[in-house]
Amino acid sequence: MKLKSIDPLTLKKRLDEGEAILIDVREVHEHAREHIEGARLAPLSCFNVEDFGEHREKMAAFYCQSGTRTSFNAGLLSSKNFRDAYHLSGGIMAWKAAGLPTHSKRDVSSEGGRRRFGWLF
């Protein structure tokens, strides 16, 4: 079975309207390094649809790094009885290419007039 694809801007609109739930199927370390704000983490290695019972009536949008992993596992993901299931075409890479924000450990923040880069001041 194949998941329908959705582009980053259309997905952002549906997320903003509260119509969709965004699910990051990458592994914990990948999500910790960078993710789309508001995404729920559900690694493919231990995916459990029961974790999403209250969201089954929403559209589910799955994403990985480039879209390949999500497409490869489309049968597993689309069989989980969400109202509608999509994959983010191009993954988080396409999301960023569309100019949409991500949360990253590499984000630079300002503190006391100094710029921080991780643990360096």
N, C-alpha and C. Protein backbone atom coordinates (compact mmCIF):
# COMPACT_ATOMS: atom_id res chain seq x y z
N MET A 1 0.84 -1.18 0.00
CA MET A 1 0.00 0.00 0.00
C MET A 1 0.89 1.24 0.00
N LYS A 2 0.43 2.27 -0.64
CA LYS A 2 1.21 3.49 -0.79
C LYS A 2 0.57 4.63 -0.01
N LEU A 3 1.40 5.41 0.67
CA LEU A 3 0.92 6.62 1.33
C LEU A 3 0.80 7.72 0.30
N LYS A 4 -0.20 8.56 0.45
CA LYS A 4 -0.29 9.75 -0.39
C LYS A 4 0.79 10.72 0.06
N SER A 5 1.30 11.50 -0.86
CA SER A 5 2.32 12.48 -0.48
C SER A 5 1.68 13.85 -0.29
N ILE A 6 2.32 14.65 0.54
CA ILE A 6 1.86 16.01 0.81
C ILE A 6 3.09 16.90 0.83
N ASP A 7 2.97 18.08 0.25
CA ASP A 7 4.09 19.00 0.20
C ASP A 7 4.17 19.79 1.52
N PRO A 8 5.33 20.34 1.83
CA PRO A 8 5.52 21.03 3.11
C PRO A 8 4.54 22.18 3.38
N LEU A 9 4.25 23.01 2.39
CA LEU A 9 3.38 24.16 2.63
C LEU A 9 1.92 23.75 2.88
N THR A 10 1.46 22.74 2.15
CA THR A 10 0.10 22.24 2.38
C THR A 10 0.01 21.60 3.76
N LEU A 11 1.03 20.84 4.13
CA LEU A 11 1.04 20.22 5.45
C LEU A 11 1.06 21.28 6.54
N LYS A 12 1.86 22.29 6.40
CA LYS A 12 1.94 23.37 7.40
C LYS A 12 0.56 23.99 7.60
N LYS A 13 -0.15 24.23 6.51
CA LYS A 13 -1.49 24.81 6.59
C LYS A 13 -2.43 23.89 7.37
N ARG A 14 -2.39 22.61 7.07
CA ARG A 14 -3.27 21.66 7.77
C ARG A 14 -2.90 21.53 9.25
N LEU A 15 -1.62 21.59 9.56
CA LEU A 15 -1.19 21.56 10.95
C LEU A 15 -1.68 22.81 11.69
N ASP A 16 -1.53 23.96 11.05
CA ASP A 16 -1.98 25.22 11.66
C ASP A 16 -3.48 25.23 11.90
N GLU A 17 -4.23 24.56 11.04
CA GLU A 17 -5.69 24.49 11.17
C GLU A 17 -6.13 23.40 12.15
N GLY A 18 -5.19 22.62 12.68
CA GLY A 18 -5.50 21.57 13.63
C GLY A 18 -6.09 20.32 13.02
N GLU A 19 -5.95 20.16 11.70
CA GLU A 19 -6.53 19.01 10.99
C GLU A 19 -5.63 17.78 10.99
N ALA A 20 -4.35 17.98 11.34
CA ALA A 20 -3.38 16.90 11.16
C ALA A 20 -2.52 16.71 12.40
N ILE A 21 -1.98 15.52 12.49
CA ILE A 21 -0.94 15.21 13.47
C ILE A 21 0.31 14.85 12.68
N LEU A 22 1.45 15.38 13.12
CA LEU A 22 2.72 15.15 12.45
C LEU A 22 3.52 14.13 13.25
N ILE A 23 3.98 13.08 12.59
CA ILE A 23 4.66 11.98 13.26
C ILE A 23 6.04 11.77 12.64
N ASP A 24 7.06 11.93 13.47
CA ASP A 24 8.45 11.74 13.08
C ASP A 24 8.79 10.27 13.28
N VAL A 25 9.09 9.56 12.20
CA VAL A 25 9.37 8.12 12.29
C VAL A 25 10.87 7.82 12.36
N ARG A 26 11.68 8.85 12.52
CA ARG A 26 13.12 8.64 12.64
C ARG A 26 13.45 8.14 14.05
N GLU A 27 14.67 7.83 14.28
CA GLU A 27 15.10 7.32 15.59
C GLU A 27 15.29 8.48 16.58
N VAL A 28 15.36 8.14 17.85
CA VAL A 28 15.42 9.12 18.93
C VAL A 28 16.57 10.10 18.75
N HIS A 29 17.76 9.61 18.41
CA HIS A 29 18.92 10.50 18.26
C HIS A 29 18.74 11.48 17.10
N GLU A 30 18.05 11.06 16.05
CA GLU A 30 17.81 11.96 14.91
C GLU A 30 16.83 13.07 15.32
N HIS A 31 15.78 12.68 16.01
CA HIS A 31 14.77 13.64 16.47
C HIS A 31 15.40 14.64 17.44
N ALA A 32 16.27 14.15 18.33
CA ALA A 32 16.92 15.02 19.31
C ALA A 32 17.82 16.05 18.62
N ARG A 33 18.45 15.64 17.54
CA ARG A 33 19.35 16.54 16.82
C ARG A 33 18.58 17.64 16.10
N GLU A 34 17.44 17.28 15.46
CA GLU A 34 16.63 18.26 14.73
C GLU A 34 15.28 17.65 14.43
N HIS A 35 14.23 18.45 14.61
CA HIS A 35 12.88 17.98 14.30
C HIS A 35 11.98 19.16 13.97
N ILE A 36 10.83 18.84 13.41
CA ILE A 36 9.82 19.85 13.13
C ILE A 36 9.05 20.06 14.43
N GLU A 37 8.95 21.31 14.84
CA GLU A 37 8.27 21.64 16.10
C GLU A 37 6.85 21.09 16.11
N GLY A 38 6.50 20.44 17.21
CA GLY A 38 5.16 19.89 17.36
C GLY A 38 5.01 18.46 16.89
N ALA A 39 6.05 17.92 16.26
CA ALA A 39 5.98 16.53 15.78
C ALA A 39 6.04 15.57 16.94
N ARG A 40 5.27 14.50 16.83
CA ARG A 40 5.34 13.41 17.82
C ARG A 40 6.36 12.41 17.32
N LEU A 41 7.22 11.96 18.21
CA LEU A 41 8.23 10.98 17.85
C LEU A 41 7.67 9.57 17.99
N ALA A 42 7.78 8.78 16.92
CA ALA A 42 7.35 7.38 16.92
C ALA A 42 8.28 6.62 15.98
N PRO A 43 9.49 6.27 16.46
CA PRO A 43 10.46 5.59 15.60
C PRO A 43 9.88 4.33 14.97
N LEU A 44 10.21 4.11 13.72
CA LEU A 44 9.75 2.91 13.02
C LEU A 44 10.19 1.64 13.74
N SER A 45 11.32 1.69 14.41
CA SER A 45 11.83 0.50 15.09
C SER A 45 10.94 0.04 16.23
N CYS A 46 10.07 0.91 16.72
CA CYS A 46 9.16 0.52 17.81
C CYS A 46 7.81 1.21 17.66
N PHE A 47 7.36 1.39 16.42
CA PHE A 47 6.11 2.10 16.15
C PHE A 47 4.93 1.36 16.76
N ASN A 48 4.12 2.10 17.50
CA ASN A 48 2.94 1.53 18.14
C ASN A 48 1.75 2.47 17.90
N VAL A 49 0.84 2.06 17.08
CA VAL A 49 -0.30 2.89 16.74
C VAL A 49 -1.15 3.22 17.97
N GLU A 50 -1.10 2.39 18.99
CA GLU A 50 -1.89 2.66 20.20
C GLU A 50 -1.48 3.97 20.86
N ASP A 51 -0.27 4.45 20.58
CA ASP A 51 0.18 5.73 21.12
C ASP A 51 -0.60 6.91 20.55
N PHE A 52 -1.39 6.67 19.51
CA PHE A 52 -2.09 7.75 18.81
C PHE A 52 -3.60 7.60 18.83
N GLY A 53 -4.13 6.83 19.76
CA GLY A 53 -5.56 6.56 19.81
C GLY A 53 -6.43 7.79 19.75
N GLU A 54 -6.07 8.83 20.49
CA GLU A 54 -6.89 10.05 20.51
C GLU A 54 -6.77 10.89 19.25
N HIS A 55 -5.83 10.55 18.38
CA HIS A 55 -5.61 11.33 17.16
C HIS A 55 -6.04 10.57 15.89
N ARG A 56 -6.64 9.42 16.03
CA ARG A 56 -6.97 8.58 14.87
C ARG A 56 -7.95 9.25 13.91
N GLU A 57 -8.71 10.22 14.38
CA GLU A 57 -9.67 10.91 13.51
C GLU A 57 -9.03 12.04 12.72
N LYS A 58 -7.78 12.36 13.02
CA LYS A 58 -7.07 13.40 12.28
C LYS A 58 -6.31 12.78 11.11
N MET A 59 -5.88 13.63 10.22
CA MET A 59 -4.99 13.20 9.16
C MET A 59 -3.62 12.97 9.77
N ALA A 60 -2.98 11.85 9.48
CA ALA A 60 -1.63 11.57 9.96
C ALA A 60 -0.64 11.89 8.85
N ALA A 61 0.38 12.64 9.19
CA ALA A 61 1.45 12.94 8.24
C ALA A 61 2.76 12.44 8.84
N PHE A 62 3.40 11.50 8.16
CA PHE A 62 4.63 10.90 8.63
C PHE A 62 5.81 11.54 7.92
N TYR A 63 6.93 11.66 8.63
CA TYR A 63 8.13 12.16 7.95
C TYR A 63 9.39 11.52 8.51
N CYS A 64 10.40 11.51 7.66
CA CYS A 64 11.74 11.06 8.03
C CYS A 64 12.72 12.11 7.50
N GLN A 65 13.95 11.73 7.26
CA GLN A 65 14.94 12.70 6.80
C GLN A 65 14.67 13.18 5.37
N SER A 66 14.51 12.22 4.43
CA SER A 66 14.36 12.60 3.02
C SER A 66 13.07 12.09 2.39
N GLY A 67 12.33 11.26 3.11
CA GLY A 67 11.10 10.68 2.58
C GLY A 67 11.25 9.23 2.17
N THR A 68 12.47 8.76 2.02
CA THR A 68 12.71 7.39 1.57
C THR A 68 12.27 6.36 2.59
N ARG A 69 12.67 6.53 3.82
CA ARG A 69 12.33 5.58 4.88
C ARG A 69 10.82 5.49 5.07
N THR A 70 10.15 6.65 5.03
CA THR A 70 8.70 6.67 5.19
C THR A 70 8.03 5.95 4.02
N SER A 71 8.46 6.22 2.80
CA SER A 71 7.89 5.56 1.62
C SER A 71 8.12 4.06 1.67
N PHE A 72 9.31 3.65 2.09
CA PHE A 72 9.64 2.24 2.15
C PHE A 72 8.74 1.49 3.13
N ASN A 73 8.29 2.18 4.18
CA ASN A 73 7.45 1.57 5.22
C ASN A 73 5.99 1.99 5.10
N ALA A 74 5.58 2.40 3.93
CA ALA A 74 4.21 2.89 3.70
C ALA A 74 3.15 1.87 4.09
N GLY A 75 3.39 0.60 3.79
CA GLY A 75 2.42 -0.43 4.13
C GLY A 75 2.15 -0.50 5.61
N LEU A 76 3.19 -0.48 6.40
CA LEU A 76 3.06 -0.50 7.86
C LEU A 76 2.30 0.74 8.34
N LEU A 77 2.70 1.91 7.87
CA LEU A 77 2.12 3.15 8.38
C LEU A 77 0.68 3.37 7.91
N SER A 78 0.38 3.02 6.69
CA SER A 78 -0.97 3.26 6.17
C SER A 78 -1.98 2.25 6.69
N SER A 79 -1.51 1.17 7.28
CA SER A 79 -2.43 0.15 7.79
C SER A 79 -2.87 0.42 9.22
N LYS A 80 -2.55 1.56 9.77
CA LYS A 80 -2.80 1.82 11.18
C LYS A 80 -4.11 2.53 11.47
N ASN A 81 -4.98 2.57 10.49
CA ASN A 81 -6.35 3.07 10.67
C ASN A 81 -6.48 4.53 11.08
N PHE A 82 -5.56 5.36 10.61
CA PHE A 82 -5.78 6.79 10.74
C PHE A 82 -6.85 7.17 9.72
N ARG A 83 -7.53 8.26 9.96
CA ARG A 83 -8.57 8.71 9.04
C ARG A 83 -7.99 8.86 7.63
N ASP A 84 -6.82 9.43 7.55
CA ASP A 84 -6.13 9.67 6.28
C ASP A 84 -4.64 9.65 6.59
N ALA A 85 -3.82 9.08 5.73
CA ALA A 85 -2.38 8.97 5.99
C ALA A 85 -1.57 9.49 4.81
N TYR A 86 -0.59 10.32 5.11
CA TYR A 86 0.29 10.93 4.12
C TYR A 86 1.73 10.80 4.55
N HIS A 87 2.63 11.02 3.61
CA HIS A 87 4.04 11.19 3.96
C HIS A 87 4.47 12.55 3.44
N LEU A 88 5.30 13.21 4.24
CA LEU A 88 5.84 14.51 3.84
C LEU A 88 6.84 14.27 2.72
N SER A 89 6.48 14.69 1.53
CA SER A 89 7.32 14.50 0.36
C SER A 89 8.66 15.22 0.57
N GLY A 90 9.74 14.45 0.52
CA GLY A 90 11.07 15.02 0.71
C GLY A 90 11.51 15.12 2.15
N GLY A 91 10.64 14.71 3.09
CA GLY A 91 10.99 14.68 4.50
C GLY A 91 11.34 16.04 5.09
N ILE A 92 12.09 16.00 6.18
CA ILE A 92 12.47 17.22 6.88
C ILE A 92 13.36 18.10 5.99
N MET A 93 14.08 17.47 5.06
CA MET A 93 14.92 18.25 4.14
C MET A 93 14.05 19.16 3.27
N ALA A 94 12.93 18.66 2.78
CA ALA A 94 12.02 19.48 1.96
C ALA A 94 11.35 20.56 2.81
N TRP A 95 11.02 20.21 4.05
CA TRP A 95 10.41 21.18 4.97
C TRP A 95 11.34 22.39 5.13
N LYS A 96 12.63 22.12 5.37
CA LYS A 96 13.60 23.20 5.53
C LYS A 96 13.81 23.95 4.22
N ALA A 97 13.85 23.24 3.11
CA ALA A 97 14.03 23.88 1.81
C ALA A 97 12.88 24.83 1.48
N ALA A 98 11.70 24.54 2.04
CA ALA A 98 10.54 25.42 1.83
C ALA A 98 10.57 26.63 2.75
N GLY A 99 11.62 26.74 3.56
CA GLY A 99 11.78 27.88 4.45
C GLY A 99 11.01 27.75 5.76
N LEU A 100 10.57 26.54 6.07
CA LEU A 100 9.80 26.32 7.30
C LEU A 100 10.76 25.97 8.44
N PRO A 101 10.42 26.35 9.66
CA PRO A 101 11.36 26.21 10.77
C PRO A 101 11.43 24.79 11.34
N THR A 102 12.59 24.50 11.90
CA THR A 102 12.81 23.27 12.65
C THR A 102 13.43 23.64 13.99
N HIS A 103 13.37 22.73 14.91
CA HIS A 103 14.04 22.91 16.20
C HIS A 103 15.30 22.06 16.14
N SER A 104 16.43 22.69 16.42
CA SER A 104 17.70 22.00 16.28
C SER A 104 18.60 22.25 17.47
N LYS A 105 19.36 21.25 17.85
CA LYS A 105 20.37 21.44 18.90
C LYS A 105 21.46 22.40 18.43
N ARG A 106 21.58 22.55 17.13
CA ARG A 106 22.59 23.44 16.57
C ARG A 106 22.13 24.87 16.50
N ASP A 107 20.85 25.14 16.89
CA ASP A 107 20.34 26.49 16.83
C ASP A 107 21.24 27.42 17.64
N VAL A 108 21.46 28.60 17.10
CA VAL A 108 22.27 29.60 17.79
C VAL A 108 21.32 30.46 18.60
N SER A 109 21.63 30.64 19.86
CA SER A 109 20.80 31.52 20.69
C SER A 109 21.66 32.63 21.25
N SER A 110 21.01 33.69 21.61
CA SER A 110 21.71 34.83 22.17
C SER A 110 21.53 34.80 23.68
N GLU A 111 22.63 35.03 24.40
CA GLU A 111 22.56 35.03 25.85
C GLU A 111 23.52 36.08 26.37
N GLY A 112 22.97 37.09 27.03
CA GLY A 112 23.80 38.12 27.61
C GLY A 112 24.65 38.85 26.59
N GLY A 113 24.14 39.02 25.39
CA GLY A 113 24.90 39.73 24.36
C GLY A 113 25.92 38.85 23.66
N ARG A 114 26.12 37.63 24.15
CA ARG A 114 27.06 36.70 23.51
C ARG A 114 26.28 35.68 22.72
N ARG A 115 26.88 35.18 21.68
CA ARG A 115 26.24 34.14 20.89
C ARG A 115 26.77 32.80 21.36
N ARG A 116 25.88 31.85 21.51
CA ARG A 116 26.26 30.51 21.95
C ARG A 116 26.23 29.53 20.79
N PHE A 117 27.22 28.70 20.71
CA PHE A 117 27.27 27.61 19.75
C PHE A 117 27.48 26.34 20.57
N GLY A 118 26.35 25.68 20.91
CA GLY A 118 26.46 24.49 21.75
C GLY A 118 27.05 24.83 23.10
N TRP A 119 28.18 24.25 23.41
CA TRP A 119 28.81 24.48 24.71
C TRP A 119 29.86 25.58 24.65
N LEU A 120 30.15 26.10 23.45
CA LEU A 120 31.14 27.18 23.32
C LEU A 120 30.50 28.53 23.53
N PHE A 121 31.18 29.43 24.19
CA PHE A 121 30.68 30.80 24.39
C PHE A 121 31.54 31.77 23.63
